[in-house]
């Protein structure tokens, strides 16, 4: 009888540790994670992986749960899991004992990912990023007609802005402060601006205006209806 009780106690103890080891260890989901590996950007070009990241930011899930949610086979999900783990975008959150099996739960490694091209970013990487952003504007209802030449010019200006920007240095430091996302973005922006000389700041503004001009040449924002404009007219 004692043997059975002891065996049951050991089983319950193991189960408890597997379920809550991420809590016991003080493991906390990172708010913002900066990723400079170009391969991560390539992985996110896949719609299924983007959906998986979205799901795993909300809650921990098993491969079976993800497969059911996305209507795919567990084999396909395992393939995507390996790819996303390799670039550091998902991780094992915890393991739970289910009968004689151990069920693995996965989660995103951060609430928000900031993907930077870094020094190894290629022309193709930058172009893919800009095209994805333009597609997002199209989904917002904007008319987008951006020629390959304008995309290349946007890439040129953004590379120039990145070369003279100190944000990357501050992103790495601020990401470990435990601040919420909006506060982190404000701290990074302020620290970067304070670190600039006046000439650098003037160049940044000039480049930002160039980007604005290029976007205005490519994108037509939806017109605000007359009755909506009235909301913004100050009453006398």
C-alpha atoms as a PDB file:
ATOM      1  CA  UNK A   1       0.000   0.000   0.000  1.00  0.00           C
ATOM      2  CA  UNK A   2       2.820   2.390   0.966  1.00  0.00           C
ATOM      3  CA  UNK A   3       4.505   1.574  -2.333  1.00  0.00           C
ATOM      4  CA  UNK A   4       1.374   2.526  -4.273  1.00  0.00           C
ATOM      5  CA  UNK A   5       0.975   5.761  -2.283  1.00  0.00           C
ATOM      6  CA  UNK A   6       4.640   6.691  -2.778  1.00  0.00           C
ATOM      7  CA  UNK A   7       4.441   5.922  -6.469  1.00  0.00           C
ATOM      8  CA  UNK A   8       1.339   8.097  -6.804  1.00  0.00           C
ATOM      9  CA  UNK A   9       3.037  10.933  -4.887  1.00  0.00           C
ATOM     10  CA  UNK A  10       6.079  10.773  -7.169  1.00  0.00           C
ATOM     11  CA  UNK A  11       3.816  10.813 -10.244  1.00  0.00           C
ATOM     12  CA  UNK A  12       1.903  13.864  -8.948  1.00  0.00           C
ATOM     13  CA  UNK A  13       5.144  15.638  -8.037  1.00  0.00           C
ATOM     14  CA  UNK A  14       6.606  15.080 -11.490  1.00  0.00           C
ATOM     15  CA  UNK A  15       3.393  16.285 -13.098  1.00  0.00           C
ATOM     16  CA  UNK A  16       3.368  19.444 -10.968  1.00  0.00           C
ATOM     17  CA  UNK A  17       6.982  20.242 -11.810  1.00  0.00           C
ATOM     18  CA  UNK A  18       6.407  19.697 -15.534  1.00  0.00           C
ATOM     19  CA  UNK A  19       3.339  21.936 -15.513  1.00  0.00           C
ATOM     20  CA  UNK A  20       4.773  24.804 -13.493  1.00  0.00           C
ATOM     21  CA  UNK A  21       8.536  24.710 -13.977  1.00  0.00           C
ATOM     22  CA  UNK A  22       8.388  27.902 -16.059  1.00  0.00           C
ATOM     23  CA  UNK A  23       6.654  29.643 -13.136  1.00  0.00           C
ATOM     24  CA  UNK A  24       8.911  28.151 -10.463  1.00  0.00           C
ATOM     25  CA  UNK A  25      11.976  29.276 -12.394  1.00  0.00           C
ATOM     26  CA  UNK A  26      10.608  32.815 -12.697  1.00  0.00           C
ATOM     27  CA  UNK A  27      10.513  32.538 -16.474  1.00  0.00           C
ATOM     28  CA  UNK A  28       8.665  35.501 -17.981  1.00  0.00           C
ATOM     29  CA  UNK A  29       7.631  36.183 -21.540  1.00  0.00           C
ATOM     30  CA  UNK A  30       9.827  38.908 -23.005  1.00  0.00           C
ATOM     31  CA  UNK A  31       7.916  42.002 -24.106  1.00  0.00           C
ATOM     32  CA  UNK A  32      10.007  42.887 -27.157  1.00  0.00           C
ATOM     33  CA  UNK A  33      12.657  40.792 -28.859  1.00  0.00           C
ATOM     34  CA  UNK A  34      15.031  42.168 -31.466  1.00  0.00           C
ATOM     35  CA  UNK A  35      15.906  39.649 -34.171  1.00  0.00           C
ATOM     36  CA  UNK A  36      18.638  40.436 -36.694  1.00  0.00           C
ATOM     37  CA  UNK A  37      18.887  37.020 -38.378  1.00  0.00           C
ATOM     38  CA  UNK A  38      17.784  37.457 -42.044  1.00  0.00           C
ATOM     39  CA  UNK A  39      16.491  33.872 -41.944  1.00  0.00           C
ATOM     40  CA  UNK A  40      13.807  34.958 -39.445  1.00  0.00           C
ATOM     41  CA  UNK A  41      12.440  37.403 -41.996  1.00  0.00           C
ATOM     42  CA  UNK A  42      12.361  34.641 -44.601  1.00  0.00           C
ATOM     43  CA  UNK A  43      10.443  32.362 -42.227  1.00  0.00           C
ATOM     44  CA  UNK A  44       7.781  35.006 -41.628  1.00  0.00           C
ATOM     45  CA  UNK A  45       7.131  35.243 -45.357  1.00  0.00           C
ATOM     46  CA  UNK A  46       5.123  32.036 -44.845  1.00  0.00           C
ATOM     47  CA  UNK A  47       1.496  32.768 -43.864  1.00  0.00           C
ATOM     48  CA  UNK A  48       1.146  29.617 -41.741  1.00  0.00           C
ATOM     49  CA  UNK A  49       4.137  30.583 -39.610  1.00  0.00           C
ATOM     50  CA  UNK A  50       2.775  34.087 -39.139  1.00  0.00           C
ATOM     51  CA  UNK A  51      -0.509  32.599 -37.916  1.00  0.00           C
ATOM     52  CA  UNK A  52       1.361  30.284 -35.557  1.00  0.00           C
ATOM     53  CA  UNK A  53       3.304  33.194 -34.054  1.00  0.00           C
ATOM     54  CA  UNK A  54       0.014  35.045 -33.539  1.00  0.00           C
ATOM     55  CA  UNK A  55      -1.567  32.057 -31.770  1.00  0.00           C
ATOM     56  CA  UNK A  56       1.468  31.397 -29.585  1.00  0.00           C
ATOM     57  CA  UNK A  57       1.663  35.016 -28.478  1.00  0.00           C
ATOM     58  CA  UNK A  58      -1.818  34.653 -27.016  1.00  0.00           C
ATOM     59  CA  UNK A  59      -1.376  31.354 -25.157  1.00  0.00           C
ATOM     60  CA  UNK A  60       0.740  28.217 -24.877  1.00  0.00           C
ATOM     61  CA  UNK A  61      -0.351  25.479 -27.280  1.00  0.00           C
ATOM     62  CA  UNK A  62       0.578  21.924 -28.215  1.00  0.00           C
ATOM     63  CA  UNK A  63       1.281  20.779 -31.750  1.00  0.00           C
ATOM     64  CA  UNK A  64      -2.114  19.028 -31.847  1.00  0.00           C
ATOM     65  CA  UNK A  65      -3.920  22.179 -30.728  1.00  0.00           C
ATOM     66  CA  UNK A  66      -2.153  24.305 -33.336  1.00  0.00           C
ATOM     67  CA  UNK A  67      -2.897  21.743 -36.044  1.00  0.00           C
ATOM     68  CA  UNK A  68      -6.587  21.701 -35.106  1.00  0.00           C
ATOM     69  CA  UNK A  69      -6.764  25.491 -35.040  1.00  0.00           C
ATOM     70  CA  UNK A  70      -5.140  25.885 -38.470  1.00  0.00           C
ATOM     71  CA  UNK A  71      -6.668  22.809 -40.103  1.00  0.00           C
ATOM     72  CA  UNK A  72      -3.293  21.200 -40.820  1.00  0.00           C
ATOM     73  CA  UNK A  73      -1.625  17.888 -39.985  1.00  0.00           C
ATOM     74  CA  UNK A  74       0.565  17.579 -36.896  1.00  0.00           C
ATOM     75  CA  UNK A  75       3.447  16.591 -39.195  1.00  0.00           C
ATOM     76  CA  UNK A  76       3.154  19.914 -41.031  1.00  0.00           C
ATOM     77  CA  UNK A  77       3.041  21.826 -37.727  1.00  0.00           C
ATOM     78  CA  UNK A  78       6.147  20.017 -36.432  1.00  0.00           C
ATOM     79  CA  UNK A  79       7.965  21.165 -39.583  1.00  0.00           C
ATOM     80  CA  UNK A  80       7.023  24.807 -38.956  1.00  0.00           C
ATOM     81  CA  UNK A  81       7.830  24.493 -35.241  1.00  0.00           C
ATOM     82  CA  UNK A  82      11.394  23.426 -36.054  1.00  0.00           C
ATOM     83  CA  UNK A  83      11.842  26.338 -38.454  1.00  0.00           C
ATOM     84  CA  UNK A  84      10.575  28.921 -35.964  1.00  0.00           C
ATOM     85  CA  UNK A  85      12.593  27.460 -33.093  1.00  0.00           C
ATOM     86  CA  UNK A  86      15.760  27.647 -35.180  1.00  0.00           C
ATOM     87  CA  UNK A  87      15.371  31.425 -35.589  1.00  0.00           C
ATOM     88  CA  UNK A  88      14.446  31.953 -31.932  1.00  0.00           C
ATOM     89  CA  UNK A  89      10.819  32.991 -32.395  1.00  0.00           C
ATOM     90  CA  UNK A  90       9.170  30.177 -30.434  1.00  0.00           C
ATOM     91  CA  UNK A  91      10.263  28.012 -27.532  1.00  0.00           C
ATOM     92  CA  UNK A  92       9.048  25.247 -25.235  1.00  0.00           C
ATOM     93  CA  UNK A  93       6.868  26.864 -22.569  1.00  0.00           C
ATOM     94  CA  UNK A  94       6.227  23.791 -20.434  1.00  0.00           C
ATOM     95  CA  UNK A  95       5.613  20.058 -20.496  1.00  0.00           C
ATOM     96  CA  UNK A  96       2.653  18.227 -18.969  1.00  0.00           C
ATOM     97  CA  UNK A  97       2.166  14.557 -18.265  1.00  0.00           C
ATOM     98  CA  UNK A  98      -0.923  13.074 -19.942  1.00  0.00           C
ATOM     99  CA  UNK A  99      -1.208   9.430 -18.904  1.00  0.00           C
ATOM    100  CA  UNK A 100       2.063   7.821 -19.912  1.00  0.00           C
ATOM    101  CA  UNK A 101       2.967  10.615 -22.349  1.00  0.00           C
ATOM    102  CA  UNK A 102       4.588  14.020 -22.009  1.00  0.00           C
ATOM    103  CA  UNK A 103       2.720  16.798 -23.833  1.00  0.00           C
ATOM    104  CA  UNK A 104       4.887  19.726 -24.958  1.00  0.00           C
ATOM    105  CA  UNK A 105       3.450  23.248 -25.016  1.00  0.00           C
ATOM    106  CA  UNK A 106       5.032  25.951 -27.156  1.00  0.00           C
ATOM    107  CA  UNK A 107       4.876  29.734 -26.969  1.00  0.00           C
ATOM    108  CA  UNK A 108       6.283  32.766 -28.781  1.00  0.00           C
ATOM    109  CA  UNK A 109       9.526  34.033 -27.286  1.00  0.00           C
ATOM    110  CA  UNK A 110       8.172  37.603 -27.077  1.00  0.00           C
ATOM    111  CA  UNK A 111       4.954  39.581 -27.237  1.00  0.00           C
ATOM    112  CA  UNK A 112       6.348  41.737 -30.038  1.00  0.00           C
ATOM    113  CA  UNK A 113       9.165  41.025 -32.488  1.00  0.00           C
ATOM    114  CA  UNK A 114      11.298  43.768 -33.953  1.00  0.00           C
ATOM    115  CA  UNK A 115      13.108  42.327 -36.941  1.00  0.00           C
ATOM    116  CA  UNK A 116      16.095  44.323 -38.088  1.00  0.00           C
ATOM    117  CA  UNK A 117      18.111  43.437 -41.158  1.00  0.00           C
ATOM    118  CA  UNK A 118      21.447  44.166 -39.542  1.00  0.00           C
ATOM    119  CA  UNK A 119      24.613  44.331 -41.557  1.00  0.00           C
ATOM    120  CA  UNK A 120      23.843  41.069 -43.328  1.00  0.00           C
ATOM    121  CA  UNK A 121      20.492  42.278 -44.717  1.00  0.00           C
ATOM    122  CA  UNK A 122      20.308  41.901 -48.484  1.00  0.00           C
ATOM    123  CA  UNK A 123      18.596  44.044 -51.098  1.00  0.00           C
ATOM    124  CA  UNK A 124      16.015  41.292 -51.464  1.00  0.00           C
ATOM    125  CA  UNK A 125      15.289  41.309 -47.703  1.00  0.00           C
ATOM    126  CA  UNK A 126      14.649  45.043 -47.708  1.00  0.00           C
ATOM    127  CA  UNK A 127      12.459  44.845 -50.798  1.00  0.00           C
ATOM    128  CA  UNK A 128      10.392  42.044 -49.279  1.00  0.00           C
ATOM    129  CA  UNK A 129       9.862  44.112 -46.136  1.00  0.00           C
ATOM    130  CA  UNK A 130       8.722  47.169 -48.083  1.00  0.00           C
ATOM    131  CA  UNK A 131       6.410  45.139 -50.314  1.00  0.00           C
ATOM    132  CA  UNK A 132       4.848  43.488 -47.245  1.00  0.00           C
ATOM    133  CA  UNK A 133       4.260  46.923 -45.702  1.00  0.00           C
ATOM    134  CA  UNK A 134       2.713  48.226 -48.924  1.00  0.00           C
ATOM    135  CA  UNK A 135       0.430  45.196 -49.003  1.00  0.00           C
ATOM    136  CA  UNK A 136      -0.640  46.082 -45.467  1.00  0.00           C
ATOM    137  CA  UNK A 137      -1.536  49.596 -46.638  1.00  0.00           C
ATOM    138  CA  UNK A 138      -3.587  48.070 -49.446  1.00  0.00           C
ATOM    139  CA  UNK A 139      -5.531  46.015 -46.906  1.00  0.00           C
ATOM    140  CA  UNK A 140      -6.259  49.257 -45.041  1.00  0.00           C
ATOM    141  CA  UNK A 141      -8.118  50.438 -48.137  1.00  0.00           C
ATOM    142  CA  UNK A 142      -5.371  52.529 -49.694  1.00  0.00           C
ATOM    143  CA  UNK A 143      -4.642  52.401 -53.417  1.00  0.00           C
ATOM    144  CA  UNK A 144      -1.074  51.238 -53.892  1.00  0.00           C
ATOM    145  CA  UNK A 145       0.827  51.493 -57.178  1.00  0.00           C
ATOM    146  CA  UNK A 146       4.550  51.388 -56.458  1.00  0.00           C
ATOM    147  CA  UNK A 147       6.917  50.696 -59.337  1.00  0.00           C
ATOM    148  CA  UNK A 148      10.031  48.527 -58.834  1.00  0.00           C
ATOM    149  CA  UNK A 149      12.134  51.668 -59.271  1.00  0.00           C
ATOM    150  CA  UNK A 150      10.370  53.424 -56.375  1.00  0.00           C
ATOM    151  CA  UNK A 151      10.707  50.316 -54.187  1.00  0.00           C
ATOM    152  CA  UNK A 152      14.458  50.300 -54.878  1.00  0.00           C
ATOM    153  CA  UNK A 153      14.651  53.992 -54.003  1.00  0.00           C
ATOM    154  CA  UNK A 154      12.797  53.341 -50.730  1.00  0.00           C
ATOM    155  CA  UNK A 155      15.334  50.606 -49.974  1.00  0.00           C
ATOM    156  CA  UNK A 156      18.236  52.973 -50.700  1.00  0.00           C
ATOM    157  CA  UNK A 157      16.898  55.688 -48.385  1.00  0.00           C
ATOM    158  CA  UNK A 158      15.999  53.263 -45.589  1.00  0.00           C
ATOM    159  CA  UNK A 159      19.469  51.715 -45.706  1.00  0.00           C
ATOM    160  CA  UNK A 160      20.956  55.197 -45.460  1.00  0.00           C
ATOM    161  CA  UNK A 161      18.723  55.984 -42.478  1.00  0.00           C
ATOM    162  CA  UNK A 162      19.716  52.761 -40.774  1.00  0.00           C
ATOM    163  CA  UNK A 163      23.426  53.411 -41.218  1.00  0.00           C
ATOM    164  CA  UNK A 164      23.142  56.723 -39.399  1.00  0.00           C
ATOM    165  CA  UNK A 165      20.714  55.544 -36.721  1.00  0.00           C
ATOM    166  CA  UNK A 166      21.722  54.525 -33.201  1.00  0.00           C
ATOM    167  CA  UNK A 167      18.432  52.692 -32.508  1.00  0.00           C
ATOM    168  CA  UNK A 168      19.883  49.184 -32.751  1.00  0.00           C
ATOM    169  CA  UNK A 169      22.307  49.909 -29.929  1.00  0.00           C
ATOM    170  CA  UNK A 170      19.459  51.073 -27.669  1.00  0.00           C
ATOM    171  CA  UNK A 171      16.998  48.346 -28.748  1.00  0.00           C
ATOM    172  CA  UNK A 172      19.255  45.620 -27.360  1.00  0.00           C
ATOM    173  CA  UNK A 173      19.671  47.438 -24.038  1.00  0.00           C
ATOM    174  CA  UNK A 174      16.063  48.553 -23.560  1.00  0.00           C
ATOM    175  CA  UNK A 175      14.592  45.138 -24.437  1.00  0.00           C
ATOM    176  CA  UNK A 176      15.941  43.772 -21.136  1.00  0.00           C
ATOM    177  CA  UNK A 177      14.467  46.478 -18.880  1.00  0.00           C
ATOM    178  CA  UNK A 178      11.076  44.780 -18.463  1.00  0.00           C
ATOM    179  CA  UNK A 179       9.127  47.801 -19.753  1.00  0.00           C
ATOM    180  CA  UNK A 180       5.847  47.536 -21.634  1.00  0.00           C
ATOM    181  CA  UNK A 181       6.006  47.780 -25.422  1.00  0.00           C
ATOM    182  CA  UNK A 182       4.863  51.406 -25.824  1.00  0.00           C
ATOM    183  CA  UNK A 183       7.230  52.636 -23.114  1.00  0.00           C
ATOM    184  CA  UNK A 184      10.108  50.717 -24.699  1.00  0.00           C
ATOM    185  CA  UNK A 185       9.465  52.347 -28.073  1.00  0.00           C
ATOM    186  CA  UNK A 186       9.424  55.807 -26.486  1.00  0.00           C
ATOM    187  CA  UNK A 187      12.662  55.153 -24.547  1.00  0.00           C
ATOM    188  CA  UNK A 188      14.419  53.846 -27.677  1.00  0.00           C
ATOM    189  CA  UNK A 189      13.302  56.852 -29.725  1.00  0.00           C
ATOM    190  CA  UNK A 190      14.335  59.396 -27.068  1.00  0.00           C
ATOM    191  CA  UNK A 191      17.697  57.723 -26.409  1.00  0.00           C
ATOM    192  CA  UNK A 192      18.458  57.585 -30.137  1.00  0.00           C
ATOM    193  CA  UNK A 193      17.589  61.255 -30.658  1.00  0.00           C
ATOM    194  CA  UNK A 194      19.614  62.389 -27.633  1.00  0.00           C
ATOM    195  CA  UNK A 195      22.621  60.451 -28.984  1.00  0.00           C
ATOM    196  CA  UNK A 196      22.522  62.263 -32.344  1.00  0.00           C
ATOM    197  CA  UNK A 197      24.532  65.315 -33.265  1.00  0.00           C
ATOM    198  CA  UNK A 198      22.498  68.157 -34.813  1.00  0.00           C
ATOM    199  CA  UNK A 199      23.838  67.371 -38.295  1.00  0.00           C
ATOM    200  CA  UNK A 200      22.813  63.688 -37.935  1.00  0.00           C
ATOM    201  CA  UNK A 201      19.329  64.697 -36.802  1.00  0.00           C
ATOM    202  CA  UNK A 202      18.926  67.058 -39.770  1.00  0.00           C
ATOM    203  CA  UNK A 203      19.996  64.262 -42.155  1.00  0.00           C
ATOM    204  CA  UNK A 204      17.482  61.879 -40.549  1.00  0.00           C
ATOM    205  CA  UNK A 205      14.669  64.383 -41.040  1.00  0.00           C
ATOM    206  CA  UNK A 206      15.686  64.947 -44.661  1.00  0.00           C
ATOM    207  CA  UNK A 207      15.639  61.186 -45.299  1.00  0.00           C
ATOM    208  CA  UNK A 208      12.266  60.813 -43.577  1.00  0.00           C
ATOM    209  CA  UNK A 209      10.853  63.521 -45.856  1.00  0.00           C
ATOM    210  CA  UNK A 210      12.218  61.641 -48.881  1.00  0.00           C
ATOM    211  CA  UNK A 211      10.453  58.468 -47.702  1.00  0.00           C
ATOM    212  CA  UNK A 212       7.245  60.492 -47.237  1.00  0.00           C
ATOM    213  CA  UNK A 213       7.515  61.878 -50.770  1.00  0.00           C
ATOM    214  CA  UNK A 214       8.125  58.412 -52.245  1.00  0.00           C
ATOM    215  CA  UNK A 215       5.162  56.955 -50.374  1.00  0.00           C
ATOM    216  CA  UNK A 216       2.885  59.798 -51.455  1.00  0.00           C
ATOM    217  CA  UNK A 217       3.911  59.052 -55.046  1.00  0.00           C
ATOM    218  CA  UNK A 218       3.007  55.351 -54.622  1.00  0.00           C
ATOM    219  CA  UNK A 219       0.044  55.354 -52.281  1.00  0.00           C
ATOM    220  CA  UNK A 220      -3.271  57.146 -52.389  1.00  0.00           C
ATOM    221  CA  UNK A 221      -4.930  57.276 -48.990  1.00  0.00           C
ATOM    222  CA  UNK A 222      -8.727  56.883 -48.877  1.00  0.00           C
ATOM    223  CA  UNK A 223     -10.594  60.181 -48.970  1.00  0.00           C
ATOM    224  CA  UNK A 224     -12.240  61.292 -45.734  1.00  0.00           C
ATOM    225  CA  UNK A 225     -15.987  61.735 -46.190  1.00  0.00           C
ATOM    226  CA  UNK A 226     -17.429  65.235 -45.693  1.00  0.00           C
ATOM    227  CA  UNK A 227     -19.477  64.270 -42.636  1.00  0.00           C
ATOM    228  CA  UNK A 228     -16.336  62.747 -41.077  1.00  0.00           C
ATOM    229  CA  UNK A 229     -14.336  65.916 -41.725  1.00  0.00           C
ATOM    230  CA  UNK A 230     -16.876  67.930 -39.736  1.00  0.00           C
ATOM    231  CA  UNK A 231     -15.922  66.032 -36.609  1.00  0.00           C
ATOM    232  CA  UNK A 232     -12.484  67.628 -36.760  1.00  0.00           C
ATOM    233  CA  UNK A 233     -13.727  71.212 -37.374  1.00  0.00           C
ATOM    234  CA  UNK A 234     -13.387  73.277 -34.219  1.00  0.00           C
ATOM    235  CA  UNK A 235     -16.620  74.888 -33.196  1.00  0.00           C
ATOM    236  CA  UNK A 236     -16.506  78.650 -32.806  1.00  0.00           C
END
